[in-house]
Amino acid sequence: ADDYEALEMMTLLDCEVMPAAAHCTVAKLLDGLRSLKDRVDQCLGAEERVAFEDDLHSILFKMVDRPLVELLAQVSMRFYRSRPIPQIFEGEEGLRAWRQWRHQIIDAILARDPERARFEAERHRRKLLLRLKRERGARARGC
């Protein structure tokens, strides 16, 4: 696997988990997701965003009963984090993009709109893969 294959796998799995989470009716989990949404704008650094992502996925996996998908996502995430690769969402522009994405997907799930959740997950995946492609091109050119 190359540096980004695990990230590509995680986003692919998100495209299944996030729409499925929009079907959840468990009030405690929905309240937890609302509380988590309040943290998005408070995340400044990479460590805070990593903790947020862990908490988000923890809630999502409780909202859906997909143990194999969860296992694959956990393995992909650990593999991704074990490699020294640059941050994807760097600087002010990257932070804004990350926050916007998180607000959009959480709003779709809380609205119990699986089609919108799938749309947001797939849109994020496309944007992320485009960022990765540009970064790989820059690294290949020695920039």
C-alpha atoms as a PDB file:
ATOM      1  CA  ALA A   1       0.000   0.000   0.000  1.00  0.00           C
ATOM      2  CA  ASP A   2       1.203   3.506  -0.688  1.00  0.00           C
ATOM      3  CA  ASP A   3       0.926   6.426   1.707  1.00  0.00           C
ATOM      4  CA  TYR A   4      -2.631   7.347   0.809  1.00  0.00           C
ATOM      5  CA  GLU A   5      -4.340   4.062   0.016  1.00  0.00           C
ATOM      6  CA  ALA A   6      -5.609   3.741   3.595  1.00  0.00           C
ATOM      7  CA  LEU A   7      -7.079   7.248   3.440  1.00  0.00           C
ATOM      8  CA  GLU A   8      -8.787   6.405   0.169  1.00  0.00           C
ATOM      9  CA  MET A   9     -10.246   3.282   1.793  1.00  0.00           C
ATOM     10  CA  MET A  10     -11.465   5.215   4.839  1.00  0.00           C
ATOM     11  CA  THR A  11     -13.320   7.727   2.695  1.00  0.00           C
ATOM     12  CA  LEU A  12     -14.844   4.937   0.634  1.00  0.00           C
ATOM     13  CA  LEU A  13     -16.160   3.324   3.813  1.00  0.00           C
ATOM     14  CA  ASP A  14     -17.460   6.702   5.002  1.00  0.00           C
ATOM     15  CA  CYS A  15     -19.601   6.792   1.853  1.00  0.00           C
ATOM     16  CA  GLU A  16     -21.450   3.774   3.257  1.00  0.00           C
ATOM     17  CA  VAL A  17     -21.416   4.501   6.991  1.00  0.00           C
ATOM     18  CA  MET A  18     -22.563   8.122   6.854  1.00  0.00           C
ATOM     19  CA  PRO A  19     -25.775   7.546   4.865  1.00  0.00           C
ATOM     20  CA  ALA A  20     -26.557   4.540   7.059  1.00  0.00           C
ATOM     21  CA  ALA A  21     -26.117   6.729  10.163  1.00  0.00           C
ATOM     22  CA  ALA A  22     -28.817   9.056   8.837  1.00  0.00           C
ATOM     23  CA  HIS A  23     -31.330   6.259   9.526  1.00  0.00           C
ATOM     24  CA  CYS A  24     -30.496   6.212  13.250  1.00  0.00           C
ATOM     25  CA  THR A  25     -33.329   7.121  15.632  1.00  0.00           C
ATOM     26  CA  VAL A  26     -31.502   6.608  18.953  1.00  0.00           C
ATOM     27  CA  ALA A  27     -31.883   9.929  20.786  1.00  0.00           C
ATOM     28  CA  LYS A  28     -28.731   9.474  22.888  1.00  0.00           C
ATOM     29  CA  LEU A  29     -26.576   8.967  19.794  1.00  0.00           C
ATOM     30  CA  LEU A  30     -28.172  11.872  17.936  1.00  0.00           C
ATOM     31  CA  ASP A  31     -27.574  14.088  20.978  1.00  0.00           C
ATOM     32  CA  GLY A  32     -23.961  12.928  21.035  1.00  0.00           C
ATOM     33  CA  LEU A  33     -23.607  13.863  17.386  1.00  0.00           C
ATOM     34  CA  ARG A  34     -25.112  17.317  18.074  1.00  0.00           C
ATOM     35  CA  SER A  35     -22.597  17.844  20.889  1.00  0.00           C
ATOM     36  CA  LEU A  36     -19.794  16.763  18.630  1.00  0.00           C
ATOM     37  CA  LYS A  37     -20.959  19.222  15.955  1.00  0.00           C
ATOM     38  CA  ASP A  38     -20.487  22.018  18.495  1.00  0.00           C
ATOM     39  CA  ARG A  39     -16.780  21.067  18.693  1.00  0.00           C
ATOM     40  CA  VAL A  40     -16.042  21.441  14.970  1.00  0.00           C
ATOM     41  CA  ASP A  41     -15.241  25.151  15.107  1.00  0.00           C
ATOM     42  CA  GLN A  42     -13.122  24.711  18.232  1.00  0.00           C
ATOM     43  CA  CYS A  43     -10.703  22.314  16.533  1.00  0.00           C
ATOM     44  CA  LEU A  44      -7.623  24.275  15.540  1.00  0.00           C
ATOM     45  CA  GLY A  45      -4.694  21.913  15.389  1.00  0.00           C
ATOM     46  CA  ALA A  46      -4.110  18.511  13.852  1.00  0.00           C
ATOM     47  CA  GLU A  47      -4.308  16.704  17.199  1.00  0.00           C
ATOM     48  CA  GLU A  48      -7.726  18.205  17.934  1.00  0.00           C
ATOM     49  CA  ARG A  49      -8.986  17.201  14.509  1.00  0.00           C
ATOM     50  CA  VAL A  50      -7.683  13.656  14.926  1.00  0.00           C
ATOM     51  CA  ALA A  51      -9.479  13.400  18.291  1.00  0.00           C
ATOM     52  CA  PHE A  52     -12.623  14.795  16.680  1.00  0.00           C
ATOM     53  CA  GLU A  53     -12.439  12.266  13.828  1.00  0.00           C
ATOM     54  CA  ASP A  54     -12.032   9.433  16.341  1.00  0.00           C
ATOM     55  CA  ASP A  55     -15.053  10.645  18.310  1.00  0.00           C
ATOM     56  CA  LEU A  56     -17.116  11.133  15.149  1.00  0.00           C
ATOM     57  CA  HIS A  57     -16.397   7.642  13.879  1.00  0.00           C
ATOM     58  CA  SER A  58     -17.054   6.165  17.307  1.00  0.00           C
ATOM     59  CA  ILE A  59     -20.560   7.660  17.263  1.00  0.00           C
ATOM     60  CA  LEU A  60     -21.142   6.704  13.628  1.00  0.00           C
ATOM     61  CA  PHE A  61     -20.231   3.073  14.286  1.00  0.00           C
ATOM     62  CA  LYS A  62     -22.680   3.003  17.187  1.00  0.00           C
ATOM     63  CA  MET A  63     -25.375   4.470  14.928  1.00  0.00           C
ATOM     64  CA  VAL A  64     -24.957   1.675  12.373  1.00  0.00           C
ATOM     65  CA  ASP A  65     -24.452  -2.003  12.974  1.00  0.00           C
ATOM     66  CA  ARG A  66     -21.767  -2.741  10.400  1.00  0.00           C
ATOM     67  CA  PRO A  67     -18.973  -4.606  12.260  1.00  0.00           C
ATOM     68  CA  LEU A  68     -16.975  -5.549   9.157  1.00  0.00           C
ATOM     69  CA  VAL A  69     -17.062  -1.983   7.832  1.00  0.00           C
ATOM     70  CA  GLU A  70     -15.984  -0.760  11.271  1.00  0.00           C
ATOM     71  CA  LEU A  71     -13.098  -3.247  11.363  1.00  0.00           C
ATOM     72  CA  LEU A  72     -11.915  -2.226   7.891  1.00  0.00           C
ATOM     73  CA  ALA A  73     -12.173   1.465   8.821  1.00  0.00           C
ATOM     74  CA  GLN A  74     -10.245   0.957  12.066  1.00  0.00           C
ATOM     75  CA  VAL A  75      -7.474  -0.929  10.281  1.00  0.00           C
ATOM     76  CA  SER A  76      -7.315   1.697   7.532  1.00  0.00           C
ATOM     77  CA  MET A  77      -7.182   4.521  10.057  1.00  0.00           C
ATOM     78  CA  ARG A  78      -4.398   2.896  12.090  1.00  0.00           C
ATOM     79  CA  PHE A  79      -2.411   2.209   8.932  1.00  0.00           C
ATOM     80  CA  TYR A  80      -2.873   5.785   7.720  1.00  0.00           C
ATOM     81  CA  ARG A  81      -1.739   7.220  11.044  1.00  0.00           C
ATOM     82  CA  SER A  82       1.289   4.926  11.237  1.00  0.00           C
ATOM     83  CA  ARG A  83       2.848   6.544   8.183  1.00  0.00           C
ATOM     84  CA  PRO A  84       4.599   9.926   8.280  1.00  0.00           C
ATOM     85  CA  ILE A  85       2.643  11.766   5.597  1.00  0.00           C
ATOM     86  CA  PRO A  86       1.792  15.456   5.293  1.00  0.00           C
ATOM     87  CA  GLN A  87      -1.516  16.819   6.518  1.00  0.00           C
ATOM     88  CA  ILE A  88      -4.242  17.013   3.915  1.00  0.00           C
ATOM     89  CA  PHE A  89      -6.086  19.993   5.413  1.00  0.00           C
ATOM     90  CA  GLU A  90      -3.285  22.497   6.004  1.00  0.00           C
ATOM     91  CA  GLY A  91      -3.441  26.220   6.701  1.00  0.00           C
ATOM     92  CA  GLU A  92      -6.501  28.432   6.947  1.00  0.00           C
ATOM     93  CA  GLU A  93      -7.981  27.238   3.644  1.00  0.00           C
ATOM     94  CA  GLY A  94      -7.605  23.601   4.666  1.00  0.00           C
ATOM     95  CA  LEU A  95      -9.077  24.205   8.104  1.00  0.00           C
ATOM     96  CA  ARG A  96     -12.078  25.983   6.558  1.00  0.00           C
ATOM     97  CA  ALA A  97     -12.597  23.117   4.105  1.00  0.00           C
ATOM     98  CA  TRP A  98     -12.391  20.532   6.901  1.00  0.00           C
ATOM     99  CA  ARG A  99     -14.857  22.438   9.090  1.00  0.00           C
ATOM    100  CA  GLN A 100     -17.279  22.959   6.221  1.00  0.00           C
ATOM    101  CA  TRP A 101     -17.180  19.264   5.342  1.00  0.00           C
ATOM    102  CA  ARG A 102     -17.820  18.207   8.932  1.00  0.00           C
ATOM    103  CA  HIS A 103     -20.711  20.621   9.362  1.00  0.00           C
ATOM    104  CA  GLN A 104     -22.281  19.458   6.095  1.00  0.00           C
ATOM    105  CA  ILE A 105     -22.108  15.767   6.845  1.00  0.00           C
ATOM    106  CA  ILE A 106     -23.263  16.072  10.443  1.00  0.00           C
ATOM    107  CA  ASP A 107     -26.160  18.316   9.381  1.00  0.00           C
ATOM    108  CA  ALA A 108     -27.228  15.719   6.803  1.00  0.00           C
ATOM    109  CA  ILE A 109     -27.124  12.905   9.348  1.00  0.00           C
ATOM    110  CA  LEU A 110     -29.001  14.926  11.979  1.00  0.00           C
ATOM    111  CA  ALA A 111     -31.626  15.828   9.350  1.00  0.00           C
ATOM    112  CA  ARG A 112     -31.999  12.060   8.857  1.00  0.00           C
ATOM    113  CA  ASP A 113     -31.391  12.540   5.152  1.00  0.00           C
ATOM    114  CA  PRO A 114     -29.396   9.536   3.871  1.00  0.00           C
ATOM    115  CA  GLU A 115     -29.334  10.778   0.268  1.00  0.00           C
ATOM    116  CA  ARG A 116     -27.820  14.083   1.332  1.00  0.00           C
ATOM    117  CA  ALA A 117     -25.376  12.266   3.642  1.00  0.00           C
ATOM    118  CA  ARG A 118     -24.258  10.080   0.738  1.00  0.00           C
ATOM    119  CA  PHE A 119     -23.941  13.136  -1.505  1.00  0.00           C
ATOM    120  CA  GLU A 120     -21.804  14.959   1.083  1.00  0.00           C
ATOM    121  CA  ALA A 121     -19.625  11.904   1.752  1.00  0.00           C
ATOM    122  CA  GLU A 122     -19.051  11.308  -1.946  1.00  0.00           C
ATOM    123  CA  ARG A 123     -18.401  14.997  -2.621  1.00  0.00           C
ATOM    124  CA  HIS A 124     -15.830  15.074   0.170  1.00  0.00           C
ATOM    125  CA  ARG A 125     -14.205  11.919  -1.162  1.00  0.00           C
ATOM    126  CA  ARG A 126     -13.872  13.442  -4.649  1.00  0.00           C
ATOM    127  CA  LYS A 127     -12.382  16.669  -3.257  1.00  0.00           C
ATOM    128  CA  LEU A 128      -9.991  14.758  -1.020  1.00  0.00           C
ATOM    129  CA  LEU A 129      -8.813  12.505  -3.833  1.00  0.00           C
ATOM    130  CA  LEU A 130      -8.240  15.589  -6.004  1.00  0.00           C
ATOM    131  CA  ARG A 131      -6.123  17.131  -3.224  1.00  0.00           C
ATOM    132  CA  LEU A 132      -4.142  13.885  -2.959  1.00  0.00           C
ATOM    133  CA  LYS A 133      -3.586  13.786  -6.720  1.00  0.00           C
ATOM    134  CA  ARG A 134      -2.304  17.386  -6.715  1.00  0.00           C
ATOM    135  CA  GLU A 135      -0.038  16.671  -3.751  1.00  0.00           C
ATOM    136  CA  ARG A 136       1.361  13.537  -5.359  1.00  0.00           C
ATOM    137  CA  GLY A 137       2.033  15.500  -8.541  1.00  0.00           C
ATOM    138  CA  ALA A 138       3.822  18.214  -6.597  1.00  0.00           C
ATOM    139  CA  ARG A 139       5.929  15.636  -4.750  1.00  0.00           C
ATOM    140  CA  ALA A 140       6.788  13.884  -8.018  1.00  0.00           C
ATOM    141  CA  ARG A 141       7.967  17.221  -9.469  1.00  0.00           C
ATOM    142  CA  GLY A 142      10.030  17.875  -6.322  1.00  0.00           C
ATOM    143  CA  CYS A 143       7.974  20.869  -5.175  1.00  0.00           C
END
